[in-house]
Amino acid sequence: MTTLVLLRHGETPLTPERRLSGSGGSDPGLSPVGHRQAQAAAEALAHRGDIEAVVTSPMRRCRETADAVAARLGLSVQVDRDLREADFGDWEGLTFAEVRERYPDDLSAWLASPDSPPSGAGETMQQVTRRVAAVRESLMAQYAGATVLVVSHVVPLRTLIRLALQAPPQTLFRMEVAAASLSTVTYKNDDTATVQTLNDTHHLKSP
């Protein structure tokens, strides 16, 4: 059985305002809160004790989160470009309310169909799904039988969970994956996937 432990990066300055921050944006790093969250996740994963590899998106907030965890676990970090966040085009830096006000038709089309890109973006959710699925297959082949930490963003991580559930694309918008949360998906030899945990944030709560 192969296990993917999914860690969303810690907070950036844009996270508390729930602003879209994709691969076409400013690539912010972690805020002070985000750095503390990364350390908390590192401690939780050290306590877990079975992580054998760390794979991350190349974006700054994920690299900083992955580096904190890897340092605590004594592991190196493998970067996979296909774990980057979706490109939100002209929506970068906006809240959903602002997008709805400025690009109502485009937003409705995007929410209705995985083949519709955000305004000004060159990648659809269907294309994101294809690259994320390819990463999953690569990790399962490279780390068969191991437990791998995947550090990424809201859309790629939700996509991995959605694919494990064999759920329709619209469910992407119906799950919470908070900053520095942990989710876990296991894959058996027959390719059966099971979501073991979703959006676990216990390690972020003060004692």
Protein backbone atom coordinates (compact mmCIF):
# COMPACT_ATOMS: atom_id res chain seq x y z
CA MET A 1 0.00 0.00 0.00
CA THR A 2 1.29 3.45 -0.97
CA THR A 3 0.30 6.45 1.13
CA LEU A 4 0.29 10.10 0.09
CA VAL A 5 0.15 12.56 2.98
CA LEU A 6 -1.09 15.85 1.55
CA LEU A 7 0.10 19.05 3.20
CA ARG A 8 -1.12 22.43 2.05
CA HIS A 9 1.45 25.19 2.46
CA GLY A 10 1.19 27.52 5.45
CA GLU A 11 -0.45 30.93 5.34
CA THR A 12 0.82 33.73 3.14
CA PRO A 13 -0.22 37.38 3.49
CA LEU A 14 -3.02 36.65 0.97
CA THR A 15 -4.47 33.60 2.74
CA PRO A 16 -6.47 35.24 5.56
CA GLU A 17 -8.29 37.40 2.99
CA ARG A 18 -8.99 34.29 0.87
CA ARG A 19 -7.45 35.91 -2.21
CA LEU A 20 -6.70 33.77 -5.24
CA SER A 21 -2.99 33.10 -5.50
CA GLY A 22 -2.06 30.90 -8.42
CA SER A 23 0.95 30.08 -10.54
CA GLY A 24 0.53 33.27 -12.56
CA GLY A 25 0.58 35.60 -9.57
CA SER A 26 3.13 37.18 -7.29
CA ASP A 27 4.35 33.90 -5.71
CA PRO A 28 4.26 35.11 -2.08
CA GLY A 29 6.22 33.42 0.67
CA LEU A 30 4.95 32.39 4.08
CA SER A 31 3.82 34.99 6.58
CA PRO A 32 5.06 34.75 10.20
CA VAL A 33 1.91 32.75 10.96
CA GLY A 34 2.66 30.51 7.99
CA HIS A 35 6.17 29.79 9.23
CA ARG A 36 4.76 28.79 12.62
CA GLN A 37 2.23 26.56 10.90
CA ALA A 38 4.99 24.89 8.88
CA GLN A 39 6.91 24.14 12.06
CA ALA A 40 3.77 22.74 13.70
CA ALA A 41 3.17 20.50 10.71
CA ALA A 42 6.80 19.39 10.84
CA GLU A 43 6.41 18.35 14.48
CA ALA A 44 3.20 16.46 13.74
CA LEU A 45 4.81 14.62 10.86
CA ALA A 46 7.90 13.81 12.94
CA HIS A 47 5.57 12.33 15.55
CA ARG A 48 3.85 10.31 12.83
CA GLY A 49 7.23 8.84 12.03
CA ASP A 50 6.70 7.12 8.67
CA ILE A 51 7.38 9.79 6.03
CA GLU A 52 10.00 8.48 3.61
CA ALA A 53 10.09 11.25 1.00
CA VAL A 54 9.05 14.90 0.60
CA VAL A 55 7.81 16.17 -2.77
CA THR A 56 6.74 19.78 -3.29
CA SER A 57 5.43 22.37 -5.68
CA PRO A 58 8.18 24.76 -6.83
CA MET A 59 6.26 27.80 -5.61
CA ARG A 60 7.86 29.75 -2.77
CA ARG A 61 5.24 29.12 -0.09
CA CYS A 62 5.38 25.38 -0.68
CA ARG A 63 9.17 25.28 -0.81
CA GLU A 64 9.37 27.10 2.52
CA THR A 65 6.82 24.71 4.07
CA ALA A 66 8.51 21.62 2.63
CA ASP A 67 11.96 22.80 3.69
CA ALA A 68 10.77 23.21 7.30
CA VAL A 69 9.32 19.70 7.35
CA ALA A 70 12.25 18.08 5.57
CA ALA A 71 14.74 19.69 7.95
CA ARG A 72 12.84 18.28 10.91
CA LEU A 73 12.62 14.82 9.34
CA GLY A 74 16.18 14.75 8.02
CA LEU A 75 15.01 14.27 4.43
CA SER A 76 15.77 15.98 1.14
CA VAL A 77 13.12 17.78 -0.91
CA GLN A 78 12.08 16.74 -4.40
CA VAL A 79 10.49 19.49 -6.52
CA ASP A 80 7.82 18.64 -9.08
CA ARG A 81 6.66 21.52 -11.27
CA ASP A 82 3.32 19.83 -11.95
CA LEU A 83 2.33 20.29 -8.29
CA ARG A 84 2.14 24.06 -8.83
CA GLU A 85 -1.13 25.87 -8.21
CA ALA A 86 -3.60 26.52 -11.02
CA ASP A 87 -3.16 29.70 -13.04
CA PHE A 88 -6.00 32.09 -12.17
CA GLY A 89 -5.17 34.58 -14.91
CA ASP A 90 -6.82 37.97 -14.42
CA TRP A 91 -8.32 36.74 -11.14
CA GLU A 92 -4.96 36.62 -9.37
CA GLY A 93 -5.05 38.49 -6.08
CA LEU A 94 -8.85 38.86 -6.09
CA THR A 95 -11.40 37.37 -3.72
CA PHE A 96 -14.25 35.30 -5.15
CA ALA A 97 -16.61 38.20 -4.40
CA GLU A 98 -14.41 40.52 -6.46
CA VAL A 99 -14.19 37.98 -9.29
CA ARG A 100 -17.98 37.58 -9.25
CA GLU A 101 -18.38 41.35 -9.51
CA ARG A 102 -15.83 41.89 -12.29
CA TYR A 103 -16.06 38.64 -14.29
CA PRO A 104 -19.50 37.15 -13.51
CA ASP A 105 -19.98 35.22 -16.76
CA ASP A 106 -16.46 33.80 -16.78
CA LEU A 107 -16.76 32.73 -13.14
CA SER A 108 -20.10 31.01 -13.75
CA ALA A 109 -18.63 29.15 -16.71
CA TRP A 110 -15.56 28.11 -14.67
CA LEU A 111 -17.66 26.80 -11.80
CA ALA A 112 -19.90 24.90 -14.21
CA SER A 113 -17.27 23.26 -16.40
CA PRO A 114 -13.70 21.98 -15.86
CA ASP A 115 -13.01 22.89 -19.49
CA SER A 116 -13.47 26.65 -18.91
CA PRO A 117 -10.34 28.59 -17.89
CA PRO A 118 -10.30 31.62 -15.56
CA SER A 119 -10.31 34.97 -17.37
CA GLY A 120 -6.98 35.46 -19.09
CA ALA A 121 -5.59 32.07 -18.01
CA GLY A 122 -4.25 29.41 -20.32
CA GLU A 123 -5.03 26.35 -18.19
CA THR A 124 -8.39 24.77 -17.41
CA MET A 125 -9.23 22.66 -14.36
CA GLN A 126 -9.28 19.63 -16.66
CA GLN A 127 -5.67 20.35 -17.62
CA VAL A 128 -4.74 20.78 -13.96
CA THR A 129 -6.34 17.41 -13.27
CA ARG A 130 -4.28 15.73 -15.97
CA ARG A 131 -0.95 17.00 -14.65
CA VAL A 132 -1.84 16.24 -11.03
CA ALA A 133 -2.94 12.73 -11.97
CA ALA A 134 0.37 12.25 -13.77
CA VAL A 135 2.24 13.26 -10.61
CA ARG A 136 0.21 10.75 -8.61
CA GLU A 137 1.04 7.94 -11.03
CA SER A 138 4.72 8.88 -10.99
CA LEU A 139 4.87 8.92 -7.19
CA MET A 140 3.07 5.59 -6.91
CA ALA A 141 5.61 4.05 -9.28
CA GLN A 142 8.66 5.67 -7.70
CA TYR A 143 7.62 5.13 -4.08
CA ALA A 144 5.53 1.96 -4.24
CA GLY A 145 4.71 0.80 -0.73
CA ALA A 146 6.09 3.96 0.89
CA THR A 147 4.58 6.98 2.63
CA VAL A 148 5.25 10.23 0.77
CA LEU A 149 4.56 13.80 1.86
CA VAL A 150 3.14 15.94 -0.95
CA VAL A 151 3.32 19.70 -0.29
CA SER A 152 1.08 21.65 -2.63
CA HIS A 153 -1.86 24.03 -3.02
CA VAL A 154 -5.64 24.05 -2.73
CA VAL A 155 -6.50 23.00 -6.29
CA PRO A 156 -3.92 20.20 -6.74
CA LEU A 157 -4.62 18.73 -3.30
CA ARG A 158 -8.39 18.90 -3.71
CA THR A 159 -7.89 17.25 -7.09
CA LEU A 160 -5.96 14.33 -5.59
CA ILE A 161 -8.72 13.87 -3.02
CA ARG A 162 -11.46 14.15 -5.63
CA LEU A 163 -9.79 11.57 -7.86
CA ALA A 164 -9.42 9.19 -4.92
CA LEU A 165 -13.14 9.52 -4.24
CA GLN A 166 -13.97 9.17 -7.95
CA ALA A 167 -16.14 12.24 -7.47
CA PRO A 168 -17.29 14.65 -10.21
CA PRO A 169 -15.34 17.86 -10.91
CA GLN A 170 -17.89 20.06 -9.13
CA THR A 171 -16.93 18.52 -5.78
CA LEU A 172 -13.63 20.40 -6.05
CA PHE A 173 -15.47 23.42 -4.64
CA ARG A 174 -17.16 21.48 -1.83
CA MET A 175 -14.22 20.49 0.35
CA GLU A 176 -12.07 22.49 2.74
CA VAL A 177 -8.29 22.18 2.62
CA ALA A 178 -7.05 24.80 5.07
CA ALA A 179 -3.57 26.29 5.24
CA ALA A 180 -1.09 23.78 6.71
CA SER A 181 -3.79 21.10 6.93
CA LEU A 182 -3.03 17.42 6.47
CA SER A 183 -5.04 14.93 4.44
CA THR A 184 -4.15 11.31 3.72
CA VAL A 185 -4.92 9.02 0.77
CA THR A 186 -3.88 5.38 0.56
CA TYR A 187 -3.58 3.34 -2.62
CA LYS A 188 -3.71 -0.46 -2.65
CA ASN A 189 -2.00 -2.63 -5.22
CA ASP A 190 -5.26 -2.91 -7.17
CA ASP A 191 -5.30 0.92 -7.48
CA THR A 192 -8.16 1.23 -5.00
CA ALA A 193 -7.84 4.58 -3.24
CA THR A 194 -9.15 5.46 0.21
CA VAL A 195 -9.26 8.92 1.78
CA GLN A 196 -8.15 8.29 5.37
CA THR A 197 -8.14 11.87 6.68
CA LEU A 198 -9.26 15.23 5.31
CA ASN A 199 -8.30 18.74 6.40
CA ASP A 200 -6.73 17.72 9.72
CA THR A 201 -5.64 20.88 11.56
CA HIS A 202 -5.26 19.49 15.09
CA HIS A 203 -1.53 20.20 15.05
CA LEU A 204 -2.27 23.92 14.58
CA LYS A 205 -4.38 24.28 17.71
CA SER A 206 -2.81 25.72 20.87
CA PRO A 207 -2.48 23.20 23.73
